[in-house]
Amino acid sequence: MQISASILGSELIREELRLTDTVIMYDRDFGISIFQNFRGYDSLLDDAEWLLERTSRRSRGFLIRVVIKNGKKGIWIGEYNQGEKQIGRQDFIFGDSAEAVSKMIMDYVNRKISEENLLEKIKVENLRKNLNSRILRDFKHYYCPSYRFLYECPYVEKMYSRLIERYGRGEKIPYSIVAEEIERMETCEDVIVCPLSAPNLFERLVNLNKAFKTRKLGEIRFVAPDFIEIV
C-alpha cells in the first residue's frame, strides 16, 4: 500500500518527521546531484532553500530525501521552478514502494551499492514506476539524456523498422525524405528537446544514425550529396 501526503496536505507536515542527511537533486538541465552528510536546519523547506541558494541551478527540478515517521521510511519530494530558490510543491510518499526506494538510497549511503548502481535505479523513469507523485509525473528533462536516447528510446527502433520496410536496405533515398519521416515520427513527452526533433534536418539524421550504430541496428551512409542508404 502506498500513501502520498500530497493528499493529506499540511497535516503530515506538522507531524514529527526525522530527516536523513542525504539530499538528491534532479535538475532539468544539470541532471542528478547527490549531497551527502547534509547538515541543515532540520527542516525540509529551510534545508531545501539553503541548498538551492548555494547551487548554480537555474532550471526546474526537484529534491528528494528519505524521511522517517513512526519508524517507517518514506520519500519527500520538493519541486523548485526556474529562477526560484524555494519549494513550490511537495509530496510525502509512504508505503512499500517508497520504503524500497528509501532502502536503495540508504544502501548507497552505507556503501552497499555503488553510485553508478544507485543512479541507474533512481532515474526519473524508474521512480515514476514506483512512486505516485504528481511532481514526478510533471517533470521533463530539457535535453534527452544521451544514454537514454542511444540505448532506451523506443522510437529509434520504430524508425529503423519503418525505414527498412518502406525503402529497403542499400537503396538510394533522398535524405530530405528520411528527414521528413523523422519529423512525422511520434516522440515522447518526457523531454523538451528531443534529438529527433532538432531544428536542423541534417542534425536529426546524425543523431538517428548514432543511435542506429550504438544499438548495432545498421548505419545511415551518404552515397551522394543529397542521397543516403541504410546498410
Protein backbone atom coordinates (compact mmCIF):
# COMPACT_ATOMS: atom_id res chain seq x y z
CA MET A 1 0.00 0.00 0.00
CA GLN A 2 1.28 3.46 -0.88
CA ILE A 3 0.18 6.70 0.73
CA SER A 4 1.00 10.10 -0.75
CA ALA A 5 0.95 13.04 1.62
CA SER A 6 0.07 15.34 -1.24
CA ILE A 7 -3.41 14.03 -0.44
CA LEU A 8 -3.03 14.57 3.30
CA GLY A 9 -1.73 18.11 2.82
CA SER A 10 -0.24 20.01 5.73
CA GLU A 11 -1.36 17.51 8.37
CA LEU A 12 1.60 15.23 7.76
CA ILE A 13 3.99 18.18 7.55
CA ARG A 14 3.02 19.15 11.08
CA GLU A 15 3.63 15.64 12.37
CA GLU A 16 7.11 14.89 13.60
CA LEU A 17 9.44 13.61 10.91
CA ARG A 18 13.05 12.54 11.23
CA LEU A 19 15.23 13.68 8.35
CA THR A 20 18.16 11.77 6.90
CA ASP A 21 21.30 13.61 5.82
CA THR A 22 21.37 12.78 2.11
CA VAL A 23 19.61 15.01 -0.43
CA ILE A 24 19.35 14.18 -4.13
CA MET A 25 18.72 16.93 -6.66
CA TYR A 26 17.19 16.33 -10.09
CA ASP A 27 17.69 19.36 -12.32
CA ARG A 28 16.18 19.62 -15.78
CA ASP A 29 19.45 20.92 -17.26
CA PHE A 30 22.17 19.59 -14.95
CA GLY A 31 20.95 16.07 -14.21
CA ILE A 32 21.30 14.32 -10.84
CA SER A 33 23.47 15.58 -7.97
CA ILE A 34 23.88 13.81 -4.62
CA PHE A 35 24.62 15.75 -1.42
CA GLN A 36 25.74 13.55 1.47
CA ASN A 37 26.33 14.39 5.13
CA PHE A 38 23.96 17.32 4.72
CA ARG A 39 23.59 19.30 7.93
CA GLY A 40 20.90 21.92 7.76
CA TYR A 41 18.15 23.33 9.94
CA ASP A 42 16.34 20.02 10.47
CA SER A 43 13.53 21.47 8.37
CA LEU A 44 12.72 20.17 4.91
CA LEU A 45 11.80 23.55 3.44
CA ASP A 46 14.55 25.55 5.15
CA ASP A 47 17.14 22.95 4.20
CA ALA A 48 15.93 22.92 0.58
CA GLU A 49 16.07 26.71 0.34
CA TRP A 50 19.57 26.76 1.85
CA LEU A 51 20.75 24.20 -0.71
CA LEU A 52 19.12 25.95 -3.67
CA GLU A 53 20.72 29.25 -2.68
CA ARG A 54 24.16 27.66 -2.71
CA THR A 55 23.99 25.82 -6.02
CA SER A 56 24.12 27.20 -9.54
CA ARG A 57 20.82 25.62 -10.52
CA ARG A 58 18.68 27.95 -12.54
CA SER A 59 16.43 25.43 -14.23
CA ARG A 60 13.42 23.50 -13.00
CA GLY A 61 13.72 20.36 -10.92
CA PHE A 62 13.10 18.68 -7.60
CA LEU A 63 14.83 17.37 -4.49
CA ILE A 64 14.22 14.01 -2.84
CA ARG A 65 15.07 13.00 0.69
CA VAL A 66 14.43 9.96 2.84
CA VAL A 67 12.25 10.80 5.84
CA ILE A 68 11.24 8.61 8.77
CA LYS A 69 7.87 8.69 10.52
CA ASN A 70 6.89 6.24 13.27
CA GLY A 71 9.83 4.06 12.30
CA LYS A 72 8.71 3.85 8.65
CA LYS A 73 10.91 5.22 5.89
CA GLY A 74 9.32 7.34 3.18
CA ILE A 75 10.29 9.79 0.46
CA TRP A 76 9.85 13.55 0.45
CA ILE A 77 9.86 15.25 -2.96
CA GLY A 78 10.09 19.03 -3.24
CA GLU A 79 9.81 20.86 -6.56
CA TYR A 80 11.54 24.12 -7.46
CA ASN A 81 10.93 26.23 -10.56
CA GLN A 82 13.30 28.05 -12.84
CA GLY A 83 14.90 31.06 -11.19
CA GLU A 84 13.27 30.37 -7.82
CA LYS A 85 15.13 29.21 -4.74
CA GLN A 86 12.23 27.85 -2.79
CA ILE A 87 9.97 24.82 -2.90
CA GLY A 88 6.69 25.36 -4.72
CA ARG A 89 5.13 21.90 -4.39
CA GLN A 90 5.93 18.91 -2.22
CA ASP A 91 4.88 15.28 -1.92
CA PHE A 92 5.33 12.89 1.00
CA ILE A 93 5.12 9.25 -0.03
CA PHE A 94 4.98 6.28 2.34
CA GLY A 95 4.32 2.62 1.66
CA ASP A 96 6.07 -0.43 0.27
CA SER A 97 7.42 1.25 -2.89
CA ALA A 98 8.66 4.30 -1.01
CA GLU A 99 10.32 2.01 1.53
CA ALA A 100 12.10 0.21 -1.33
CA VAL A 101 13.38 3.46 -2.84
CA SER A 102 14.47 4.62 0.62
CA LYS A 103 16.39 1.38 1.12
CA MET A 104 18.28 1.84 -2.16
CA ILE A 105 19.37 5.31 -1.12
CA MET A 106 20.41 4.14 2.34
CA ASP A 107 22.30 1.20 0.84
CA TYR A 108 24.30 3.71 -1.19
CA VAL A 109 24.94 5.86 1.90
CA ASN A 110 26.15 2.75 3.75
CA ARG A 111 28.34 1.79 0.76
CA LYS A 112 26.44 -1.39 0.00
CA ILE A 113 25.88 -0.32 -3.62
CA SER A 114 27.92 1.94 -5.90
CA GLU A 115 26.92 5.42 -7.03
CA GLU A 116 26.61 4.12 -10.59
CA ASN A 117 24.20 1.43 -9.41
CA LEU A 118 22.14 3.94 -7.44
CA LEU A 119 21.92 6.42 -10.32
CA GLU A 120 20.61 3.68 -12.58
CA LYS A 121 17.96 2.65 -10.06
CA ILE A 122 16.74 6.16 -9.25
CA LYS A 123 16.39 7.53 -12.77
CA VAL A 124 13.21 9.55 -13.13
CA GLU A 125 11.68 6.86 -15.34
CA ASN A 126 12.22 4.24 -12.63
CA LEU A 127 10.95 6.47 -9.85
CA ARG A 128 7.75 7.10 -11.76
CA LYS A 129 7.06 3.36 -11.78
CA ASN A 130 7.40 3.13 -8.01
CA LEU A 131 6.26 6.43 -6.56
CA ASN A 132 2.85 8.03 -7.04
CA SER A 133 3.94 11.64 -7.29
CA ARG A 134 2.43 14.47 -9.30
CA ILE A 135 5.85 16.15 -9.28
CA LEU A 136 7.48 13.12 -10.93
CA ARG A 137 4.68 12.88 -13.48
CA ASP A 138 5.12 16.51 -14.48
CA PHE A 139 8.91 16.53 -14.65
CA LYS A 140 10.61 16.78 -18.02
CA HIS A 141 14.29 16.71 -18.96
CA TYR A 142 15.37 19.67 -21.07
CA TYR A 143 17.65 17.67 -23.36
CA CYS A 144 17.08 13.94 -23.59
CA PRO A 145 19.91 12.28 -21.62
CA SER A 146 22.44 10.79 -24.05
CA TYR A 147 22.34 7.27 -22.57
CA ARG A 148 18.57 7.23 -22.59
CA PHE A 149 18.35 8.27 -26.24
CA LEU A 150 21.10 5.99 -27.50
CA TYR A 151 20.06 2.83 -25.63
CA GLU A 152 16.50 3.15 -24.37
CA CYS A 153 14.45 5.41 -26.67
CA PRO A 154 11.76 3.14 -28.18
CA TYR A 155 11.29 5.38 -31.21
CA VAL A 156 14.76 4.65 -32.58
CA GLU A 157 13.91 1.02 -33.36
CA LYS A 158 10.47 2.01 -34.64
CA MET A 159 12.09 4.44 -37.06
CA TYR A 160 14.61 1.83 -38.20
CA SER A 161 11.83 -0.68 -38.88
CA ARG A 162 9.77 1.91 -40.73
CA LEU A 163 12.66 2.97 -42.98
CA ILE A 164 13.66 -0.60 -43.82
CA GLU A 165 10.06 -1.57 -44.51
CA ARG A 166 9.38 1.40 -46.78
CA TYR A 167 12.71 1.86 -48.56
CA GLY A 168 14.74 -1.31 -48.01
CA ARG A 169 18.46 -1.76 -47.38
CA GLY A 170 21.06 -0.44 -49.78
CA GLU A 171 18.60 1.68 -51.76
CA LYS A 172 19.41 5.28 -52.56
CA ILE A 173 16.96 7.56 -50.78
CA PRO A 174 16.83 11.38 -50.84
CA TYR A 175 17.95 12.38 -47.36
CA SER A 176 15.21 15.02 -47.21
CA ILE A 177 12.58 12.23 -47.35
CA VAL A 178 14.17 10.46 -44.38
CA ALA A 179 14.34 13.75 -42.50
CA GLU A 180 10.61 14.22 -43.14
CA GLU A 181 9.94 10.69 -41.88
CA ILE A 182 11.74 11.59 -38.66
CA GLU A 183 9.71 14.79 -38.40
CA ARG A 184 6.47 12.81 -38.59
CA MET A 185 7.65 10.30 -36.02
CA GLU A 186 5.95 10.39 -32.64
CA THR A 187 8.30 11.27 -29.80
CA CYS A 188 7.98 11.01 -26.03
CA GLU A 189 6.64 13.72 -23.75
CA ASP A 190 9.38 13.43 -21.12
CA VAL A 191 11.80 15.90 -22.70
CA ILE A 192 11.65 19.44 -24.02
CA VAL A 193 14.29 18.96 -26.72
CA CYS A 194 14.36 15.56 -28.43
CA PRO A 195 17.38 14.60 -30.59
CA LEU A 196 14.91 13.55 -33.29
CA SER A 197 13.27 17.00 -33.23
CA ALA A 198 16.37 19.13 -33.76
CA PRO A 199 15.65 22.22 -35.92
CA ASN A 200 18.37 21.22 -38.38
CA LEU A 201 17.30 18.27 -40.56
CA PHE A 202 20.88 17.07 -41.00
CA GLU A 203 21.35 17.03 -37.22
CA ARG A 204 18.31 14.75 -36.89
CA LEU A 205 19.91 12.29 -39.30
CA VAL A 206 23.23 12.41 -37.46
CA ASN A 207 21.51 11.74 -34.12
CA LEU A 208 19.45 8.89 -35.53
CA ASN A 209 22.49 7.34 -37.19
CA LYS A 210 24.43 7.49 -33.94
CA ALA A 211 21.62 5.60 -32.18
CA PHE A 212 21.44 3.03 -35.01
CA LYS A 213 25.17 2.35 -34.78
CA THR A 214 25.18 2.27 -30.98
CA ARG A 215 22.49 -0.42 -31.00
CA LYS A 216 24.11 -2.23 -33.93
CA LEU A 217 20.91 -1.96 -35.96
CA GLY A 218 22.54 -0.57 -39.08
CA GLU A 219 24.00 2.63 -40.43
CA ILE A 220 22.93 5.62 -42.50
CA ARG A 221 25.50 6.43 -45.20
CA PHE A 222 25.65 9.38 -47.55
CA VAL A 223 26.26 7.99 -51.04
CA ALA A 224 25.77 11.29 -52.91
CA PRO A 225 25.34 14.90 -51.84
CA ASP A 226 21.58 14.52 -51.37
CA PHE A 227 21.13 10.75 -51.09
CA ILE A 228 21.63 8.18 -48.37
CA GLU A 229 21.36 4.44 -47.99
CA ILE A 230 20.73 2.27 -44.95
CA VAL A 231 23.15 -0.61 -44.58
